[in-house]
Amino acid sequence: MRKKNMLLVSSILSIGLVLGGIPHQNQASAKSIQKKEVLVVYKNAKGKQDAIKSSEKIKHQFKALPAVSVTADTANIQKLENNPDIASVETKYCVSHSGFEKVI
């Protein structure tokens, strides 16, 4: 009886490890789509419009600078980088030291 239980438990664990190690289609596609927070500097009104349309979420629209802070996926970030109406696209980084945090 004990051997049967041990065999059953080891079989269940083995199946769990095998299935757990195989990425499901949803997990694989979710990993390929990464979202980043970026600062988009635009050259004109069309560039601003494109930056807003390409974003998933608008974090901040600057008044004194021709820029918006947005969250976008890597495909849209690449489109913005190749857009002639966009001056630059910079990834925002968060730096912390000794409990203090600064967003760059």
N, C-alpha and C. Protein backbone atom coordinates (compact mmCIF):
# COMPACT_ATOMS: atom_id res chain seq x y z
N MET A 1 0.82 -1.19 0.00
CA MET A 1 0.00 0.00 0.00
C MET A 1 0.87 1.26 0.00
N ARG A 2 1.92 1.23 0.80
CA ARG A 2 2.80 2.39 0.91
C ARG A 2 3.51 2.63 -0.43
N LYS A 3 3.93 1.54 -1.10
CA LYS A 3 4.60 1.68 -2.39
C LYS A 3 3.66 2.27 -3.43
N LYS A 4 2.39 1.87 -3.40
CA LYS A 4 1.41 2.41 -4.34
C LYS A 4 1.22 3.91 -4.12
N ASN A 5 1.14 4.31 -2.85
CA ASN A 5 0.98 5.73 -2.53
C ASN A 5 2.19 6.54 -2.99
N MET A 6 3.37 6.01 -2.75
CA MET A 6 4.59 6.70 -3.15
C MET A 6 4.66 6.82 -4.67
N LEU A 7 4.28 5.76 -5.37
CA LEU A 7 4.28 5.76 -6.82
C LEU A 7 3.26 6.77 -7.35
N LEU A 8 2.11 6.82 -6.74
CA LEU A 8 1.06 7.76 -7.14
C LEU A 8 1.53 9.20 -6.92
N VAL A 9 2.11 9.49 -5.77
CA VAL A 9 2.59 10.84 -5.46
C VAL A 9 3.71 11.24 -6.41
N SER A 10 4.66 10.35 -6.66
CA SER A 10 5.76 10.69 -7.56
C SER A 10 5.27 10.88 -8.99
N SER A 11 4.27 10.12 -9.41
CA SER A 11 3.70 10.27 -10.75
C SER A 11 3.02 11.63 -10.88
N ILE A 12 2.26 12.01 -9.89
CA ILE A 12 1.56 13.30 -9.91
C ILE A 12 2.57 14.44 -9.94
N LEU A 13 3.61 14.35 -9.12
CA LEU A 13 4.64 15.39 -9.11
C LEU A 13 5.36 15.47 -10.44
N SER A 14 5.67 14.33 -11.04
CA SER A 14 6.36 14.31 -12.34
C SER A 14 5.50 14.96 -13.42
N ILE A 15 4.23 14.62 -13.45
CA ILE A 15 3.32 15.21 -14.43
C ILE A 15 3.22 16.72 -14.21
N GLY A 16 3.13 17.13 -12.96
CA GLY A 16 3.06 18.55 -12.64
C GLY A 16 4.30 19.30 -13.10
N LEU A 17 5.47 18.71 -12.89
CA LEU A 17 6.71 19.34 -13.32
C LEU A 17 6.81 19.45 -14.83
N VAL A 18 6.40 18.39 -15.52
CA VAL A 18 6.45 18.39 -16.98
C VAL A 18 5.50 19.44 -17.54
N LEU A 19 4.26 19.44 -17.07
CA LEU A 19 3.28 20.40 -17.57
C LEU A 19 3.61 21.82 -17.14
N GLY A 20 4.15 21.96 -15.96
CA GLY A 20 4.53 23.29 -15.47
C GLY A 20 5.69 23.88 -16.25
N GLY A 21 6.54 23.04 -16.80
CA GLY A 21 7.69 23.50 -17.56
C GLY A 21 7.38 23.85 -19.00
N ILE A 22 6.20 23.47 -19.47
CA ILE A 22 5.82 23.78 -20.84
C ILE A 22 5.01 25.07 -20.83
N PRO A 23 5.51 26.11 -21.51
CA PRO A 23 4.75 27.37 -21.49
C PRO A 23 3.46 27.23 -22.28
N HIS A 24 2.40 27.73 -21.70
CA HIS A 24 1.12 27.75 -22.40
C HIS A 24 1.16 28.89 -23.41
N GLN A 25 0.29 28.84 -24.40
CA GLN A 25 0.31 29.85 -25.45
C GLN A 25 0.07 31.24 -24.88
N ASN A 26 -0.83 31.38 -23.92
CA ASN A 26 -1.11 32.69 -23.34
C ASN A 26 0.11 33.23 -22.61
N GLN A 27 0.82 32.37 -21.90
CA GLN A 27 2.01 32.81 -21.19
C GLN A 27 3.09 33.24 -22.15
N ALA A 28 3.29 32.51 -23.23
CA ALA A 28 4.33 32.83 -24.19
C ALA A 28 4.04 34.16 -24.87
N SER A 29 2.80 34.40 -25.26
CA SER A 29 2.46 35.66 -25.92
C SER A 29 2.52 36.82 -24.94
N ALA A 30 2.19 36.59 -23.68
CA ALA A 30 2.26 37.66 -22.69
C ALA A 30 3.70 38.09 -22.44
N LYS A 31 4.64 37.13 -22.50
CA LYS A 31 6.04 37.47 -22.28
C LYS A 31 6.61 38.28 -23.44
N SER A 32 6.12 38.04 -24.65
CA SER A 32 6.67 38.74 -25.81
C SER A 32 6.19 40.19 -25.89
N ILE A 33 5.08 40.51 -25.23
CA ILE A 33 4.57 41.88 -25.22
C ILE A 33 4.97 42.53 -23.90
N GLN A 34 6.00 43.35 -23.96
CA GLN A 34 6.44 44.05 -22.77
C GLN A 34 5.98 45.49 -22.84
N LYS A 35 5.59 46.02 -21.71
CA LYS A 35 5.17 47.41 -21.65
C LYS A 35 6.22 48.19 -20.87
N LYS A 36 6.48 49.40 -21.35
CA LYS A 36 7.46 50.26 -20.69
C LYS A 36 6.89 51.66 -20.56
N GLU A 37 7.39 52.35 -19.57
CA GLU A 37 7.04 53.76 -19.44
C GLU A 37 8.14 54.55 -20.14
N VAL A 38 7.74 55.39 -21.09
CA VAL A 38 8.70 56.15 -21.88
C VAL A 38 8.32 57.63 -21.92
N LEU A 39 9.33 58.44 -22.17
CA LEU A 39 9.14 59.87 -22.37
C LEU A 39 9.27 60.11 -23.86
N VAL A 40 8.21 60.64 -24.48
CA VAL A 40 8.20 60.88 -25.91
C VAL A 40 8.27 62.38 -26.16
N VAL A 41 9.33 62.80 -26.84
CA VAL A 41 9.48 64.21 -27.21
C VAL A 41 9.05 64.33 -28.67
N TYR A 42 8.05 65.17 -28.92
CA TYR A 42 7.51 65.28 -30.27
C TYR A 42 7.92 66.60 -30.91
N LYS A 43 7.87 66.64 -32.26
CA LYS A 43 8.29 67.82 -33.02
C LYS A 43 7.12 68.74 -33.35
N ASN A 44 5.91 68.17 -33.44
CA ASN A 44 4.76 68.97 -33.86
C ASN A 44 3.48 68.33 -33.31
N ALA A 45 2.34 68.92 -33.67
CA ALA A 45 1.04 68.44 -33.16
C ALA A 45 0.76 67.00 -33.62
N LYS A 46 1.15 66.65 -34.84
CA LYS A 46 0.95 65.29 -35.33
C LYS A 46 1.76 64.31 -34.50
N GLY A 47 2.97 64.68 -34.13
CA GLY A 47 3.80 63.82 -33.29
C GLY A 47 3.16 63.60 -31.93
N LYS A 48 2.59 64.66 -31.36
CA LYS A 48 1.92 64.52 -30.07
C LYS A 48 0.72 63.59 -30.20
N GLN A 49 -0.04 63.77 -31.27
CA GLN A 49 -1.20 62.93 -31.53
C GLN A 49 -0.79 61.45 -31.68
N ASP A 50 0.27 61.20 -32.43
CA ASP A 50 0.76 59.84 -32.64
C ASP A 50 1.23 59.21 -31.33
N ALA A 51 1.90 60.00 -30.50
CA ALA A 51 2.39 59.48 -29.21
C ALA A 51 1.22 59.08 -28.32
N ILE A 52 0.18 59.90 -28.31
CA ILE A 52 -0.98 59.61 -27.47
C ILE A 52 -1.75 58.40 -28.02
N LYS A 53 -1.90 58.31 -29.34
CA LYS A 53 -2.61 57.18 -29.94
C LYS A 53 -1.87 55.86 -29.75
N SER A 54 -0.55 55.90 -29.76
CA SER A 54 0.26 54.69 -29.63
C SER A 54 0.39 54.21 -28.19
N SER A 55 -0.02 55.03 -27.25
CA SER A 55 0.18 54.67 -25.85
C SER A 55 -1.01 53.89 -25.30
N GLU A 56 -0.71 53.11 -24.29
CA GLU A 56 -1.76 52.39 -23.58
C GLU A 56 -2.31 53.28 -22.47
N LYS A 57 -1.40 54.06 -21.87
CA LYS A 57 -1.79 54.95 -20.77
C LYS A 57 -0.94 56.20 -20.83
N ILE A 58 -1.58 57.35 -20.68
CA ILE A 58 -0.86 58.62 -20.64
C ILE A 58 -0.58 58.93 -19.18
N LYS A 59 0.70 59.01 -18.84
CA LYS A 59 1.09 59.30 -17.46
C LYS A 59 1.08 60.80 -17.18
N HIS A 60 1.65 61.58 -18.13
CA HIS A 60 1.74 63.03 -17.92
C HIS A 60 1.92 63.74 -19.25
N GLN A 61 1.22 64.85 -19.40
CA GLN A 61 1.42 65.72 -20.56
C GLN A 61 2.08 67.00 -20.05
N PHE A 62 3.26 67.28 -20.53
CA PHE A 62 4.00 68.45 -20.07
C PHE A 62 3.47 69.70 -20.75
N LYS A 63 3.44 70.81 -20.02
CA LYS A 63 2.97 72.08 -20.59
C LYS A 63 4.12 72.88 -21.16
N ALA A 64 5.26 72.88 -20.48
CA ALA A 64 6.39 73.71 -20.89
C ALA A 64 7.30 73.01 -21.91
N LEU A 65 7.14 71.70 -22.06
CA LEU A 65 7.98 70.93 -22.97
C LEU A 65 7.11 70.21 -24.00
N PRO A 66 7.62 70.01 -25.20
CA PRO A 66 6.86 69.24 -26.19
C PRO A 66 7.06 67.74 -25.95
N ALA A 67 6.49 67.25 -24.83
CA ALA A 67 6.72 65.85 -24.45
C ALA A 67 5.54 65.30 -23.68
N VAL A 68 5.39 63.97 -23.76
CA VAL A 68 4.41 63.25 -22.97
C VAL A 68 5.08 62.02 -22.37
N SER A 69 4.65 61.66 -21.17
CA SER A 69 5.11 60.45 -20.53
C SER A 69 3.99 59.43 -20.67
N VAL A 70 4.30 58.29 -21.31
CA VAL A 70 3.27 57.29 -21.61
C VAL A 70 3.76 55.88 -21.30
N THR A 71 2.81 54.97 -21.19
CA THR A 71 3.11 53.54 -21.12
C THR A 71 2.70 52.94 -22.45
N ALA A 72 3.61 52.20 -23.07
CA ALA A 72 3.33 51.59 -24.37
C ALA A 72 4.06 50.26 -24.49
N ASP A 73 3.58 49.41 -25.39
CA ASP A 73 4.26 48.14 -25.62
C ASP A 73 5.44 48.34 -26.57
N THR A 74 6.29 47.34 -26.64
CA THR A 74 7.54 47.47 -27.41
C THR A 74 7.30 47.73 -28.89
N ALA A 75 6.24 47.16 -29.45
CA ALA A 75 5.95 47.38 -30.88
C ALA A 75 5.61 48.84 -31.14
N ASN A 76 4.77 49.43 -30.29
CA ASN A 76 4.41 50.83 -30.46
C ASN A 76 5.57 51.77 -30.16
N ILE A 77 6.42 51.38 -29.22
CA ILE A 77 7.61 52.20 -28.93
C ILE A 77 8.51 52.24 -30.16
N GLN A 78 8.67 51.09 -30.81
CA GLN A 78 9.51 51.04 -32.01
C GLN A 78 8.91 51.89 -33.13
N LYS A 79 7.59 51.87 -33.28
CA LYS A 79 6.92 52.71 -34.28
C LYS A 79 7.17 54.19 -33.98
N LEU A 80 7.10 54.56 -32.72
CA LEU A 80 7.34 55.97 -32.34
C LEU A 80 8.79 56.37 -32.62
N GLU A 81 9.73 55.46 -32.36
CA GLU A 81 11.14 55.76 -32.62
C GLU A 81 11.40 55.99 -34.11
N ASN A 82 10.62 55.35 -34.97
CA ASN A 82 10.79 55.51 -36.42
C ASN A 82 9.90 56.59 -37.01
N ASN A 83 9.11 57.23 -36.19
CA ASN A 83 8.17 58.26 -36.64
C ASN A 83 8.93 59.58 -36.88
N PRO A 84 8.81 60.18 -38.07
CA PRO A 84 9.52 61.43 -38.35
C PRO A 84 9.02 62.63 -37.55
N ASP A 85 7.82 62.52 -36.97
CA ASP A 85 7.26 63.61 -36.16
C ASP A 85 7.66 63.52 -34.69
N ILE A 86 8.45 62.49 -34.35
CA ILE A 86 8.91 62.29 -32.97
C ILE A 86 10.41 62.59 -32.90
N ALA A 87 10.79 63.46 -31.96
CA ALA A 87 12.20 63.82 -31.81
C ALA A 87 12.98 62.71 -31.10
N SER A 88 12.41 62.17 -30.01
CA SER A 88 13.10 61.09 -29.29
C SER A 88 12.12 60.33 -28.40
N VAL A 89 12.50 59.11 -28.09
CA VAL A 89 11.75 58.25 -27.18
C VAL A 89 12.76 57.72 -26.17
N GLU A 90 12.57 58.05 -24.92
CA GLU A 90 13.51 57.66 -23.87
C GLU A 90 12.80 56.81 -22.82
N THR A 91 13.41 55.69 -22.46
CA THR A 91 12.87 54.84 -21.41
C THR A 91 13.10 55.49 -20.06
N LYS A 92 12.06 55.49 -19.23
CA LYS A 92 12.20 56.04 -17.88
C LYS A 92 12.73 54.95 -16.97
N TYR A 93 13.72 55.29 -16.19
CA TYR A 93 14.30 54.35 -15.24
C TYR A 93 14.06 54.84 -13.83
N CYS A 94 13.92 53.90 -12.93
CA CYS A 94 13.72 54.23 -11.53
C CYS A 94 14.98 53.80 -10.77
N VAL A 95 15.60 54.74 -10.10
CA VAL A 95 16.83 54.48 -9.36
C VAL A 95 16.54 54.67 -7.88
N SER A 96 16.94 53.70 -7.07
CA SER A 96 16.74 53.85 -5.63
C SER A 96 18.05 53.56 -4.90
N HIS A 97 18.22 54.27 -3.81
CA HIS A 97 19.42 54.10 -2.99
C HIS A 97 19.07 54.47 -1.56
N SER A 98 19.33 53.58 -0.64
CA SER A 98 19.10 53.81 0.79
C SER A 98 17.68 54.27 1.09
N GLY A 99 16.72 53.68 0.41
CA GLY A 99 15.33 53.99 0.70
C GLY A 99 14.78 55.19 -0.06
N PHE A 100 15.63 55.93 -0.76
CA PHE A 100 15.16 57.06 -1.55
C PHE A 100 15.02 56.61 -2.99
N GLU A 101 13.99 57.09 -3.64
CA GLU A 101 13.74 56.68 -5.02
C GLU A 101 13.64 57.91 -5.90
N LYS A 102 14.24 57.82 -7.07
CA LYS A 102 14.20 58.93 -8.01
C LYS A 102 13.91 58.36 -9.40
N VAL A 103 12.96 58.96 -10.08
CA VAL A 103 12.62 58.54 -11.43
C VAL A 103 13.42 59.38 -12.41
N ILE A 104 14.09 58.70 -13.34
CA ILE A 104 14.91 59.40 -14.33
C ILE A 104 14.23 59.26 -15.68
